[in-house]
Amino acid sequence: MAGPEDLPPAGVPPHEAIAFFKSKGFRIGFAWEDVFQGEHVRAFTVAKAMKQSVLEAIRAEVDRAISDGTTFDDFRKTLRPKLEALGWWGRKQMIDPATGQSKKVQLGSNRRLKTIFDTNLRTSYAAGRWERAQRVKSAFPFMEYRSMEDDKVRPEHNAWDGTILPIDDPWWDTHYPPCDWACRCTAIPRSQRMLDRQKKKLTEKPPRFPDVTWVNTRTGETGVSERGIGKGWAYNVGKEHLRGLAPKPLPESFGRDEGEVSASAQFRNVQLALVDRFLKRFGIDPGRYAIWMDRDGWPLPIGRSWFIAENGAVRMPGGSSAGVVLDRIAAAIVTPDSIRWIWVRAENGELVLMRRYARISAGLATIVDIGRIGWRWRIARAADVEQLVAAAYNPHQKRDRAGRFARMHGPEFLAAVADPSLPHVRPLSIGVATEATFGKLRDMGIAPRGEHIVLERSHARHILKRHGPDAWQQPGHRPVTLRNILGAHRVVNQADRLVRVEDSRDGNPGVRAIKRTGRTETHVIFTVRRRGLVVETMYRREIGPAGERVKKRSGGKKSPA
């Protein structure tokens, strides 16, 4: 697929440019210098787009433009009405957070949309070209700088046109295009055979122009770059490609408090000391932000913003043990027992990929999940986690004619639930219904034929998918673990209430068992079939002292184990 109109040919499969752009996080900045040079590689930003909703709207259209190869006219016609509806258009009065002064500034305009479109598409395609060039540099070890050769080209860029150097030459660290706003230059991989055929030779010494000193007026940072390279453009967008941006704390671990909104994070002294101690575990100085590489070489952006929610409020583990919890979280990331990727269902139903760090110490397992939607933590008994991530099974045990395991016990069944690639398994009997349970069912007009309380793999997987630790928990709900699922028979036999529910699709009677333990109410819905009572689904929720349903968690609570 070709790139958008007025862009040079991409020379790279679109998915590489798409992957580069999708890897970016978000960064809010009032001025374009707030996000400077290489920071643009890992963060999508638009100056004065101070709301996440505005950034997301612009990013979605840029993403579509890169993926579909749309023109600027289509981009503008689609995006402008959305920005006008969000109130981000024209000249308006805004407060500069760095100075506290009110200024009249330009928000959305056709000219700004053109800059946003041009800059993001060109840098994305440039990063994609560099990625491909690195993969094939054994066959194409050289690179040639090419300008558009028209009257719009900067004199310096025109002088660099035709420069041919090895792809690993340090000249490309600062001269890999784009080299300024609206720069249309590109760099093309070359092989020795291509150079010989075109009668071209390596450049001994590229044209060199006087240095220009620049100042970042927002930070006071100063630097020097060669004339012809714009302020903030003296970097290689391909080399600087680092994935992700510092994640935000997810409400599962830190509470929701939707009504609490603050203009900026205000750490208390005690909280600030704990956060800086957390950063020190990663070798990061107090208040600083850095890209930290985990044990397997995966980059994690880490800073104080880990504890700042989207609404600007501080989010920290609560209680007197907050420091211990933060130490456990840091240890799980720095020295994990295991690292793996998991799919998590977000609040909107979308499946997102998260990186899971797990560490077991003193009988407790600390789990930390980090992804583009945010990060969360959980501390549980080690036995529960071992069942979830490392349930053992015996692949050599006997099987029936259908290829199913002839005998099935709890650990083997849990392994089959956690890993769908394992062979098909028989339903597992987790217990039997008591005489008291049978009596309650008969009073409801239900006459079970079998006494076993049975788990089927498909139903167990459904429970974990919708209500397990990796599912997005609704306010007031607690996650269902594999240990909870294996104990469903106790809920049925010790239920405080058994309630008849709508019969299942196959006509079998359905029953809801409800059991209260402390501040947790567990619901198990089962159907009565020939083989016995089959567990269909299960969920747990918080209840108040008087048995009322808790609709919202308070901030500062620990994530439920």
Protein backbone atom coordinates (compact mmCIF):
# COMPACT_ATOMS: atom_id res chain seq x y z
CA MET A 1 0.00 0.00 0.00
CA ALA A 2 1.40 3.39 -0.93
CA GLY A 3 1.75 6.20 1.55
CA PRO A 4 -0.56 9.23 1.63
CA GLU A 5 -0.48 11.76 -1.17
CA ASP A 6 2.43 14.25 -1.18
CA LEU A 7 4.56 11.80 0.81
CA PRO A 8 7.50 10.02 -0.78
CA PRO A 9 6.99 6.31 -1.43
CA ALA A 10 7.18 4.44 1.86
CA GLY A 11 9.39 1.66 0.55
CA VAL A 12 8.29 -0.38 3.53
CA PRO A 13 5.30 -2.60 4.32
CA PRO A 14 2.66 -0.43 6.06
CA HIS A 15 2.55 -2.68 9.12
CA GLU A 16 6.01 -1.48 10.19
CA ALA A 17 4.96 2.17 10.20
CA ILE A 18 1.66 1.20 11.84
CA ALA A 19 3.43 -0.77 14.57
CA PHE A 20 5.74 2.17 15.30
CA PHE A 21 2.85 4.61 15.72
CA LYS A 22 0.72 2.20 17.77
CA SER A 23 3.63 1.66 20.17
CA LYS A 24 3.49 5.27 21.31
CA GLY A 25 2.02 6.31 24.61
CA PHE A 26 0.34 9.65 25.32
CA ARG A 27 1.98 12.80 26.64
CA ILE A 28 0.20 16.07 27.39
CA GLY A 29 2.15 19.26 26.72
CA PHE A 30 1.21 22.93 26.56
CA ALA A 31 4.05 23.94 24.23
CA TRP A 32 5.73 21.88 21.52
CA GLU A 33 9.00 22.09 23.48
CA ASP A 34 7.41 20.31 26.47
CA VAL A 35 7.90 17.04 24.57
CA PHE A 36 11.30 17.39 22.98
CA GLN A 37 13.43 15.52 20.44
CA GLY A 38 13.49 11.74 21.05
CA GLU A 39 10.58 11.92 23.48
CA HIS A 40 8.30 12.12 20.43
CA VAL A 41 9.27 8.57 19.51
CA ARG A 42 7.62 7.04 22.56
CA ALA A 43 4.87 9.60 23.15
CA PHE A 44 2.10 10.99 20.96
CA THR A 45 1.51 14.64 21.79
CA VAL A 46 -0.12 17.74 20.34
CA ALA A 47 0.76 21.10 21.84
CA LYS A 48 -2.11 22.57 23.92
CA ALA A 49 -4.19 19.38 23.63
CA MET A 50 -4.53 19.23 27.41
CA LYS A 51 -7.34 16.68 27.53
CA GLN A 52 -6.98 12.95 26.94
CA SER A 53 -10.18 12.95 24.87
CA VAL A 54 -8.69 15.47 22.42
CA LEU A 55 -5.42 13.56 22.11
CA GLU A 56 -7.28 10.29 21.57
CA ALA A 57 -9.47 11.81 18.84
CA ILE A 58 -6.46 13.19 16.96
CA ARG A 59 -4.46 10.01 17.43
CA ALA A 60 -7.28 7.80 16.14
CA GLU A 61 -7.43 9.75 12.88
CA VAL A 62 -3.64 9.76 12.47
CA ASP A 63 -3.67 6.03 13.08
CA ARG A 64 -6.31 5.59 10.40
CA ALA A 65 -4.35 7.79 7.97
CA ILE A 66 -1.21 5.68 8.41
CA SER A 67 -3.09 2.38 8.19
CA ASP A 68 -5.38 3.24 5.25
CA GLY A 69 -3.19 5.70 3.35
CA THR A 70 -5.80 8.46 3.43
CA THR A 71 -5.14 11.95 2.07
CA PHE A 72 -4.89 15.10 4.15
CA ASP A 73 -8.26 16.33 2.86
CA ASP A 74 -9.98 13.20 4.16
CA PHE A 75 -8.07 13.49 7.43
CA ARG A 76 -9.13 17.14 7.88
CA LYS A 77 -12.78 16.59 6.92
CA THR A 78 -13.14 13.74 9.41
CA LEU A 79 -11.21 15.23 12.33
CA ARG A 80 -12.30 18.87 12.32
CA PRO A 81 -15.95 18.24 13.36
CA LYS A 82 -14.76 16.01 16.21
CA LEU A 83 -12.39 18.65 17.53
CA GLU A 84 -15.04 21.37 17.24
CA ALA A 85 -17.43 19.19 19.25
CA LEU A 86 -14.74 18.81 21.93
CA GLY A 87 -14.23 22.59 22.00
CA TRP A 88 -10.67 22.35 20.67
CA TRP A 89 -10.77 24.74 17.74
CA GLY A 90 -9.85 28.36 17.05
CA ARG A 91 -8.18 30.82 19.41
CA LYS A 92 -9.01 30.52 23.10
CA GLN A 93 -7.75 31.61 26.49
CA MET A 94 -5.73 28.94 28.32
CA ILE A 95 -3.54 28.79 31.42
CA ASP A 96 0.06 27.75 30.89
CA PRO A 97 0.68 25.16 33.67
CA ALA A 98 4.40 25.98 33.68
CA THR A 99 3.91 29.67 34.48
CA GLY A 100 0.33 29.93 35.69
CA GLN A 101 -0.28 32.75 33.22
CA SER A 102 -3.37 32.98 31.06
CA LYS A 103 -2.64 33.24 27.35
CA LYS A 104 -4.70 33.44 24.18
CA VAL A 105 -3.50 30.52 22.08
CA GLN A 106 -4.29 28.81 18.81
CA LEU A 107 -5.94 25.43 19.22
CA GLY A 108 -7.24 23.58 16.18
CA SER A 109 -6.83 25.06 12.72
CA ASN A 110 -6.37 23.75 9.20
CA ARG A 111 -2.70 24.73 9.32
CA ARG A 112 -2.15 22.87 12.61
CA LEU A 113 -3.93 19.79 11.28
CA LYS A 114 -1.62 19.86 8.27
CA THR A 115 1.42 19.95 10.59
CA ILE A 116 0.05 17.11 12.75
CA PHE A 117 -0.74 14.98 9.70
CA ASP A 118 2.56 15.66 7.96
CA THR A 119 4.83 15.21 10.98
CA ASN A 120 3.31 12.02 12.35
CA LEU A 121 3.06 10.28 9.00
CA ARG A 122 6.57 11.17 7.93
CA THR A 123 8.19 10.11 11.21
CA SER A 124 6.18 6.87 11.28
CA TYR A 125 7.20 5.94 7.75
CA ALA A 126 10.80 6.95 8.48
CA ALA A 127 10.89 4.72 11.57
CA GLY A 128 9.43 1.86 9.52
CA ARG A 129 12.05 2.31 6.79
CA TRP A 130 14.85 2.29 9.35
CA GLU A 131 13.49 -0.88 10.95
CA ARG A 132 13.45 -2.63 7.60
CA ALA A 133 16.87 -1.28 6.65
CA GLN A 134 18.33 -2.78 9.82
CA ARG A 135 16.87 -6.19 8.98
CA VAL A 136 18.39 -6.21 5.48
CA LYS A 137 21.62 -4.29 6.05
CA SER A 138 23.74 -7.39 5.39
CA ALA A 139 22.53 -7.16 1.78
CA PHE A 140 22.07 -3.36 1.70
CA PRO A 141 24.84 -2.00 3.94
CA PHE A 142 24.70 1.58 2.64
CA MET A 143 22.16 4.38 2.71
CA GLU A 144 21.69 7.35 0.40
CA TYR A 145 20.22 10.70 1.46
CA ARG A 146 17.67 11.96 -1.07
CA SER A 147 15.88 15.32 -1.20
CA MET A 148 12.87 16.24 -3.34
CA GLU A 149 15.03 18.43 -5.62
CA ASP A 150 12.55 21.28 -6.05
CA ASP A 151 12.47 24.94 -5.06
CA LYS A 152 10.99 24.15 -1.63
CA VAL A 153 14.00 22.15 -0.45
CA ARG A 154 16.25 23.79 2.14
CA PRO A 155 19.72 24.62 0.77
CA GLU A 156 21.43 22.40 3.34
CA HIS A 157 19.19 19.44 2.51
CA ASN A 158 19.83 19.99 -1.17
CA ALA A 159 23.58 19.88 -0.46
CA TRP A 160 23.20 16.58 1.42
CA ASP A 161 21.29 15.06 -1.50
CA GLY A 162 23.24 12.09 -2.86
CA THR A 163 25.29 11.54 0.32
CA ILE A 164 26.03 7.80 0.55
CA LEU A 165 27.39 6.34 3.79
CA PRO A 166 27.37 2.99 5.61
CA ILE A 167 24.11 2.52 7.46
CA ASP A 168 25.99 2.34 10.79
CA ASP A 169 27.84 5.62 10.19
CA PRO A 170 27.24 8.05 13.10
CA TRP A 171 26.25 10.75 10.58
CA TRP A 172 22.81 9.12 10.42
CA ASP A 173 22.34 9.65 14.17
CA THR A 174 21.57 13.30 13.47
CA HIS A 175 20.92 13.45 9.71
CA TYR A 176 18.41 10.64 9.20
CA PRO A 177 15.35 12.43 7.75
CA PRO A 178 13.05 14.09 8.52
CA CYS A 179 15.47 16.71 9.78
CA ASP A 180 13.03 19.57 10.37
CA TRP A 181 9.36 20.50 10.24
CA ALA A 182 7.85 19.64 6.82
CA CYS A 183 11.10 17.99 5.70
CA ARG A 184 10.30 15.75 2.75
CA CYS A 185 13.71 14.11 2.43
CA THR A 186 14.21 10.39 2.73
CA ALA A 187 17.02 7.83 2.98
CA ILE A 188 17.21 4.80 0.69
CA PRO A 189 19.14 1.56 1.38
CA ARG A 190 21.76 0.69 -1.25
CA SER A 191 23.84 -2.38 -2.01
CA GLN A 192 27.33 -2.37 -3.49
CA ARG A 193 25.94 -3.83 -6.69
CA MET A 194 23.42 -0.98 -6.97
CA LEU A 195 26.17 1.60 -6.47
CA ASP A 196 28.34 -0.04 -9.11
CA ARG A 197 25.47 -0.19 -11.58
CA GLN A 198 24.60 3.49 -11.01
CA LYS A 199 28.30 4.43 -10.99
CA LYS A 200 28.02 5.95 -7.52
CA LYS A 201 30.65 5.95 -4.78
CA LEU A 202 30.64 6.34 -1.01
CA THR A 203 30.80 9.91 0.20
CA GLU A 204 34.17 10.65 1.78
CA LYS A 205 33.03 13.74 3.66
CA PRO A 206 29.41 14.99 3.66
CA PRO A 207 28.91 18.77 3.39
CA ARG A 208 29.22 20.37 6.80
CA PHE A 209 27.46 23.59 7.83
CA PRO A 210 28.10 25.84 10.84
CA ASP A 211 26.66 24.84 14.20
CA VAL A 212 23.65 26.67 15.60
CA THR A 213 23.01 26.96 19.33
CA TRP A 214 19.43 26.42 20.48
CA VAL A 215 17.57 26.83 23.79
CA ASN A 216 14.49 24.96 24.95
CA THR A 217 12.54 27.88 26.38
CA ARG A 218 10.41 25.55 28.50
CA THR A 219 13.18 23.66 30.28
CA GLY A 220 16.22 25.88 29.84
CA GLU A 221 18.05 23.03 28.13
CA THR A 222 20.61 24.16 25.56
CA GLY A 223 22.30 22.36 22.70
CA VAL A 224 24.07 22.65 19.40
CA SER A 225 23.02 21.23 16.02
CA GLU A 226 24.22 21.71 12.49
CA ARG A 227 22.50 24.40 10.45
CA GLY A 228 19.78 22.78 8.38
CA ILE A 229 18.67 20.49 11.22
CA GLY A 230 15.72 22.01 13.00
CA LYS A 231 15.57 22.64 16.71
CA GLY A 232 14.50 19.38 18.33
CA TRP A 233 15.15 17.29 15.19
CA ALA A 234 18.77 16.24 15.71
CA TYR A 235 17.95 12.58 16.37
CA ASN A 236 17.30 9.37 14.43
CA VAL A 237 13.62 8.49 14.77
CA GLY A 238 14.37 4.83 14.01
CA LYS A 239 17.13 4.46 16.59
CA GLU A 240 15.13 6.26 19.25
CA HIS A 241 12.23 3.88 18.84
CA LEU A 242 11.31 2.82 22.38
CA ARG A 243 7.97 1.30 23.08
CA GLY A 244 5.30 2.55 25.40
CA LEU A 245 4.94 5.32 27.92
CA ALA A 246 4.64 5.27 31.70
CA PRO A 247 1.39 3.47 32.53
CA LYS A 248 -1.27 4.84 34.85
CA PRO A 249 -2.52 3.02 37.97
CA LEU A 250 -5.61 0.97 37.22
CA PRO A 251 -8.57 1.35 39.58
CA GLU A 252 -8.63 -2.39 40.31
CA SER A 253 -5.61 -1.98 42.57
CA PHE A 254 -6.01 1.61 43.73
CA GLY A 255 -9.76 2.30 43.98
CA ARG A 256 -11.89 4.41 41.66
CA ASP A 257 -13.07 7.61 43.34
CA GLU A 258 -14.65 8.92 40.15
CA GLY A 259 -15.76 12.09 41.89
CA GLU A 260 -12.27 13.13 42.93
CA VAL A 261 -10.61 15.41 40.39
CA SER A 262 -7.52 17.53 40.93
CA ALA A 263 -5.66 19.84 38.59
CA SER A 264 -2.30 18.26 39.38
CA ALA A 265 -0.87 15.53 41.57
CA GLN A 266 -0.06 16.62 45.10
CA PHE A 267 2.04 13.98 46.87
CA ARG A 268 2.20 14.15 50.63
CA ASN A 269 5.71 14.02 52.06
CA VAL A 270 5.29 10.43 53.24
CA GLN A 271 3.95 9.34 49.85
CA LEU A 272 6.73 11.15 48.02
CA ALA A 273 9.36 9.39 50.12
CA LEU A 274 7.80 6.00 49.35
CA VAL A 275 7.59 6.72 45.61
CA ASP A 276 11.21 7.87 45.46
CA ARG A 277 12.23 4.72 47.35
CA PHE A 278 10.33 2.74 44.72
CA LEU A 279 12.18 4.56 41.91
CA LYS A 280 15.53 3.91 43.62
CA ARG A 281 14.99 0.14 43.13
CA PHE A 282 15.25 0.83 39.40
CA GLY A 283 18.27 3.11 39.70
CA ILE A 284 16.18 6.23 39.04
CA ASP A 285 16.88 9.44 40.94
CA PRO A 286 14.02 11.11 42.87
CA GLY A 287 11.57 12.84 40.56
CA ARG A 288 13.28 11.59 37.41
CA TYR A 289 11.83 9.53 34.56
CA ALA A 290 13.76 6.78 32.76
CA ILE A 291 13.39 3.83 30.42
CA TRP A 292 14.32 0.76 32.47
CA MET A 293 15.05 -2.59 30.80
CA ASP A 294 13.61 -5.64 32.54
CA ARG A 295 15.30 -9.02 32.90
CA ASP A 296 14.38 -10.04 29.36
CA GLY A 297 15.33 -6.72 27.78
CA TRP A 298 11.83 -5.23 27.55
CA PRO A 299 11.73 -1.41 28.05
CA LEU A 300 9.54 -0.03 30.83
CA PRO A 301 9.11 3.74 31.21
CA ILE A 302 9.14 4.38 34.96
CA GLY A 303 8.59 7.56 36.96
CA ARG A 304 6.36 9.22 39.54
CA SER A 305 3.50 9.22 37.04
CA TRP A 306 3.01 5.53 37.85
CA PHE A 307 1.08 6.79 40.86
CA ILE A 308 -0.91 9.56 39.18
CA ALA A 309 -4.36 8.66 37.81
CA GLU A 310 -5.86 10.07 34.62
CA ASN A 311 -7.74 12.69 36.64
CA GLY A 312 -4.52 13.92 38.24
CA ALA A 313 -5.18 12.35 41.65
CA VAL A 314 -2.44 10.47 43.53
CA ARG A 315 -2.98 6.72 43.72
CA MET A 316 -0.98 4.74 46.30
CA PRO A 317 -1.47 1.47 48.18
CA GLY A 318 -3.30 2.33 51.36
CA GLY A 319 -2.69 1.60 55.01
CA SER A 320 0.41 1.38 57.16
CA SER A 321 1.83 -1.40 54.97
CA ALA A 322 2.02 0.77 51.82
CA GLY A 323 5.82 0.75 51.92
CA VAL A 324 5.94 -3.04 52.19
CA VAL A 325 3.55 -3.37 49.26
CA LEU A 326 5.63 -1.03 47.09
CA ASP A 327 8.77 -2.97 47.97
CA ARG A 328 7.05 -6.20 46.92
CA ILE A 329 5.88 -4.60 43.65
CA ALA A 330 9.38 -3.36 42.84
CA ALA A 331 10.94 -6.73 43.71
CA ALA A 332 8.45 -8.55 41.46
CA ILE A 333 9.50 -6.39 38.49
CA VAL A 334 13.24 -6.27 39.20
CA THR A 335 13.73 -9.93 40.25
CA PRO A 336 10.67 -11.86 39.00
CA ASP A 337 10.27 -15.61 39.16
CA SER A 338 8.45 -15.45 35.83
CA ILE A 339 7.55 -12.98 33.09
CA ARG A 340 4.88 -13.72 30.53
CA TRP A 341 2.31 -12.04 28.29
CA ILE A 342 -1.38 -12.30 29.11
CA TRP A 343 -4.56 -11.12 27.41
CA VAL A 344 -6.83 -9.04 29.64
CA ARG A 345 -10.38 -7.91 28.96
CA ALA A 346 -10.60 -4.18 29.59
CA GLU A 347 -13.61 -2.33 30.99
CA ASN A 348 -14.93 -1.61 27.50
CA GLY A 349 -14.69 -5.29 26.54
CA GLU A 350 -11.53 -4.86 24.43
CA LEU A 351 -8.82 -7.52 24.73
CA VAL A 352 -5.46 -5.94 25.51
CA LEU A 353 -2.01 -7.46 25.99
CA MET A 354 -0.25 -6.98 29.32
CA ARG A 355 3.15 -8.05 30.60
CA ARG A 356 2.85 -10.04 33.85
CA TYR A 357 5.61 -10.17 36.46
CA ALA A 358 5.22 -12.75 39.25
CA ARG A 359 7.37 -13.34 42.33
CA ILE A 360 6.79 -15.67 45.28
CA SER A 361 8.31 -14.86 48.66
CA ALA A 362 7.40 -15.95 52.20
CA GLY A 363 4.34 -17.84 50.96
CA LEU A 364 2.90 -14.78 49.21
CA ALA A 365 2.87 -14.18 45.47
CA THR A 366 3.08 -10.65 44.07
CA ILE A 367 1.72 -10.18 40.56
CA VAL A 368 2.23 -6.97 38.58
CA ASP A 369 0.56 -6.46 35.18
CA ILE A 370 1.77 -3.61 32.94
CA GLY A 371 0.22 -2.59 29.62
CA ARG A 372 -0.89 0.34 27.52
CA ILE A 373 -4.14 0.70 29.47
CA GLY A 374 -2.25 1.05 32.75
CA TRP A 375 -0.76 -1.12 35.48
CA ARG A 376 -2.07 -3.03 38.48
CA TRP A 377 -0.82 -5.25 41.29
CA ARG A 378 -2.16 -8.14 43.31
CA ILE A 379 -0.85 -10.03 46.34
CA ALA A 380 -2.24 -13.51 46.92
CA ARG A 381 -1.35 -16.78 48.56
CA ALA A 382 1.33 -18.53 46.56
CA ALA A 383 -0.81 -21.66 46.22
CA ASP A 384 -3.51 -19.73 44.35
CA VAL A 385 -0.99 -18.28 41.90
CA GLU A 386 0.76 -21.60 41.35
CA GLN A 387 -2.58 -23.11 40.39
CA LEU A 388 -3.21 -20.27 37.99
CA VAL A 389 0.13 -20.15 36.17
CA ALA A 390 1.76 -23.53 36.74
CA ALA A 391 -0.86 -26.21 37.40
CA ALA A 392 0.81 -29.58 36.83
CA TYR A 393 -0.60 -32.45 34.85
CA ASN A 394 0.57 -35.87 33.73
CA PRO A 395 0.52 -36.17 29.92
CA HIS A 396 1.18 -39.93 30.11
CA GLN A 397 -1.90 -40.93 32.09
CA LYS A 398 -4.44 -43.29 30.56
CA ARG A 399 -6.99 -42.08 28.04
CA ASP A 400 -10.29 -43.39 26.74
CA ARG A 401 -11.13 -44.17 23.11
CA ALA A 402 -12.02 -40.54 22.42
CA GLY A 403 -8.53 -39.42 23.49
CA ARG A 404 -9.71 -37.87 26.74
CA PHE A 405 -7.89 -38.41 30.02
CA ALA A 406 -9.39 -41.48 31.67
CA ARG A 407 -8.91 -40.06 35.16
CA MET A 408 -8.96 -36.42 36.09
CA HIS A 409 -8.02 -34.68 39.33
CA GLY A 410 -7.99 -31.05 40.37
CA PRO A 411 -4.46 -30.05 39.27
CA GLU A 412 -4.78 -31.75 35.88
CA PHE A 413 -8.15 -30.13 35.28
CA LEU A 414 -6.82 -26.71 36.24
CA ALA A 415 -3.92 -27.12 33.83
CA ALA A 416 -6.39 -27.93 31.06
CA VAL A 417 -8.44 -24.86 31.97
CA ALA A 418 -5.41 -22.56 31.97
CA ASP A 419 -4.02 -23.95 28.71
CA PRO A 420 -6.60 -24.60 25.94
CA SER A 421 -3.96 -26.37 23.85
CA LEU A 422 -4.00 -29.36 26.21
CA PRO A 423 -6.06 -32.43 25.23
CA HIS A 424 -9.81 -32.47 25.75
CA VAL A 425 -10.71 -33.49 29.28
CA ARG A 426 -13.65 -35.14 30.92
CA PRO A 427 -15.88 -33.07 33.22
CA LEU A 428 -14.50 -33.04 36.77
CA SER A 429 -16.54 -34.04 39.80
CA ILE A 430 -15.55 -31.60 42.56
CA GLY A 431 -17.92 -33.01 45.16
CA VAL A 432 -21.38 -34.44 45.81
CA ALA A 433 -24.64 -32.79 46.81
CA THR A 434 -25.69 -33.40 50.42
CA GLU A 435 -29.07 -34.69 51.49
CA ALA A 436 -29.95 -31.20 52.72
CA THR A 437 -29.22 -29.78 49.27
CA PHE A 438 -31.34 -32.49 47.65
CA GLY A 439 -34.17 -31.64 50.02
CA LYS A 440 -34.07 -27.92 49.14
CA LEU A 441 -34.11 -28.74 45.43
CA ARG A 442 -37.10 -31.07 45.84
CA ASP A 443 -38.97 -28.29 47.67
CA MET A 444 -38.37 -26.19 44.53
CA GLY A 445 -39.86 -28.89 42.35
CA ILE A 446 -36.49 -30.12 41.04
CA ALA A 447 -35.50 -33.78 41.22
CA PRO A 448 -31.79 -34.29 40.40
CA ARG A 449 -30.86 -37.68 38.91
CA GLY A 450 -27.22 -37.63 40.02
CA GLU A 451 -25.45 -36.50 43.16
CA HIS A 452 -22.18 -35.20 41.66
CA ILE A 453 -21.38 -31.47 41.40
CA VAL A 454 -19.54 -31.19 38.10
CA LEU A 455 -17.17 -28.75 36.37
CA GLU A 456 -16.80 -28.63 32.60
CA ARG A 457 -13.72 -27.01 31.05
CA SER A 458 -15.70 -24.62 28.84
CA HIS A 459 -17.66 -23.32 31.83
CA ALA A 460 -14.53 -22.95 33.98
CA ARG A 461 -12.82 -20.98 31.20
CA HIS A 462 -15.93 -18.79 30.87
CA ILE A 463 -15.82 -18.00 34.60
CA LEU A 464 -12.16 -17.00 34.46
CA LYS A 465 -12.67 -14.97 31.29
CA ARG A 466 -15.57 -12.96 32.67
CA HIS A 467 -14.93 -12.91 36.42
CA GLY A 468 -11.33 -14.11 36.96
CA PRO A 469 -8.22 -12.18 38.04
CA ASP A 470 -7.48 -11.16 34.43
CA ALA A 471 -11.00 -9.83 33.79
CA TRP A 472 -11.80 -6.19 34.39
CA GLN A 473 -13.67 -6.19 37.71
CA GLN A 474 -16.88 -4.21 37.95
CA PRO A 475 -17.16 -1.89 40.98
CA GLY A 476 -17.89 -3.93 44.09
CA HIS A 477 -16.84 -7.26 42.56
CA ARG A 478 -13.96 -9.52 43.56
CA PRO A 479 -12.08 -11.80 41.15
CA VAL A 480 -12.84 -15.51 41.04
CA THR A 481 -9.72 -17.70 41.31
CA LEU A 482 -9.26 -21.32 40.28
CA ARG A 483 -9.30 -22.24 43.96
CA ASN A 484 -12.73 -20.59 44.25
CA ILE A 485 -13.97 -22.58 41.24
CA LEU A 486 -12.77 -25.87 42.75
CA GLY A 487 -14.69 -24.94 45.91
CA ALA A 488 -18.00 -24.31 44.12
CA HIS A 489 -19.46 -27.48 45.68
CA ARG A 490 -19.10 -25.96 49.16
CA VAL A 491 -21.05 -22.89 48.04
CA VAL A 492 -23.83 -25.14 46.74
CA ASN A 493 -24.00 -27.34 49.86
CA GLN A 494 -23.57 -24.52 52.39
CA ALA A 495 -25.64 -21.93 50.57
CA ASP A 496 -27.58 -19.39 52.59
CA ARG A 497 -30.12 -19.35 49.76
CA LEU A 498 -31.02 -21.46 46.74
CA VAL A 499 -33.09 -19.58 44.17
CA ARG A 500 -34.74 -20.98 41.05
CA VAL A 501 -33.62 -19.09 37.92
CA GLU A 502 -34.65 -19.24 34.29
CA ASP A 503 -34.16 -22.70 32.85
CA SER A 504 -31.14 -23.22 30.60
CA ARG A 505 -31.36 -23.24 26.82
CA ASP A 506 -31.55 -27.04 26.74
CA GLY A 507 -34.52 -27.00 29.12
CA ASN A 508 -32.70 -28.13 32.27
CA PRO A 509 -33.67 -26.40 35.53
CA GLY A 510 -31.34 -23.63 36.71
CA VAL A 511 -30.54 -22.72 40.32
CA ARG A 512 -28.53 -19.90 41.93
CA ALA A 513 -26.65 -20.74 45.16
CA ILE A 514 -25.72 -17.72 47.31
CA LYS A 515 -23.29 -17.95 50.24
CA ARG A 516 -21.99 -15.10 52.40
CA THR A 517 -18.54 -15.30 54.02
CA GLY A 518 -17.51 -12.17 55.89
CA ARG A 519 -17.82 -9.22 53.48
CA THR A 520 -17.95 -11.42 50.37
CA GLU A 521 -21.03 -12.90 48.75
CA THR A 522 -20.40 -15.77 46.31
CA HIS A 523 -22.94 -16.71 43.62
CA VAL A 524 -22.84 -20.07 41.82
CA ILE A 525 -25.35 -20.77 39.07
CA PHE A 526 -25.77 -24.42 38.12
CA THR A 527 -28.11 -26.52 36.04
CA VAL A 528 -29.57 -29.88 36.96
CA ARG A 529 -28.69 -32.52 34.40
CA ARG A 530 -28.53 -36.26 34.12
CA ARG A 531 -24.97 -36.46 35.45
CA GLY A 532 -25.77 -34.21 38.40
CA LEU A 533 -25.39 -30.49 39.15
CA VAL A 534 -23.28 -28.76 36.48
CA VAL A 535 -21.68 -25.41 37.42
CA GLU A 536 -22.45 -22.89 34.68
CA THR A 537 -20.95 -19.68 36.08
CA MET A 538 -19.71 -18.11 39.29
CA TYR A 539 -18.95 -14.61 40.58
CA ARG A 540 -18.10 -12.87 43.87
CA ARG A 541 -19.02 -9.40 45.09
CA GLU A 542 -18.46 -7.17 48.09
CA ILE A 543 -21.30 -6.52 50.53
CA GLY A 544 -21.72 -4.06 53.35
CA PRO A 545 -22.15 -4.85 57.07
CA ALA A 546 -25.92 -5.03 56.65
CA GLY A 547 -25.71 -7.17 53.54
CA GLU A 548 -26.13 -4.30 51.09
CA ARG A 549 -24.26 -4.44 47.80
CA VAL A 550 -21.12 -2.27 47.59
CA LYS A 551 -21.35 -0.24 44.40
CA LYS A 552 -17.94 1.48 44.51
CA ARG A 553 -14.64 0.78 46.18
CA SER A 554 -12.98 3.45 48.23
CA GLY A 555 -9.49 4.63 47.27
CA GLY A 556 -6.42 3.21 48.92
CA LYS A 557 -7.67 -0.35 49.35
CA LYS A 558 -5.46 -3.25 48.57
CA SER A 559 -6.30 -5.29 45.56
CA PRO A 560 -8.26 -8.34 46.71
CA ALA A 561 -6.22 -11.51 46.95
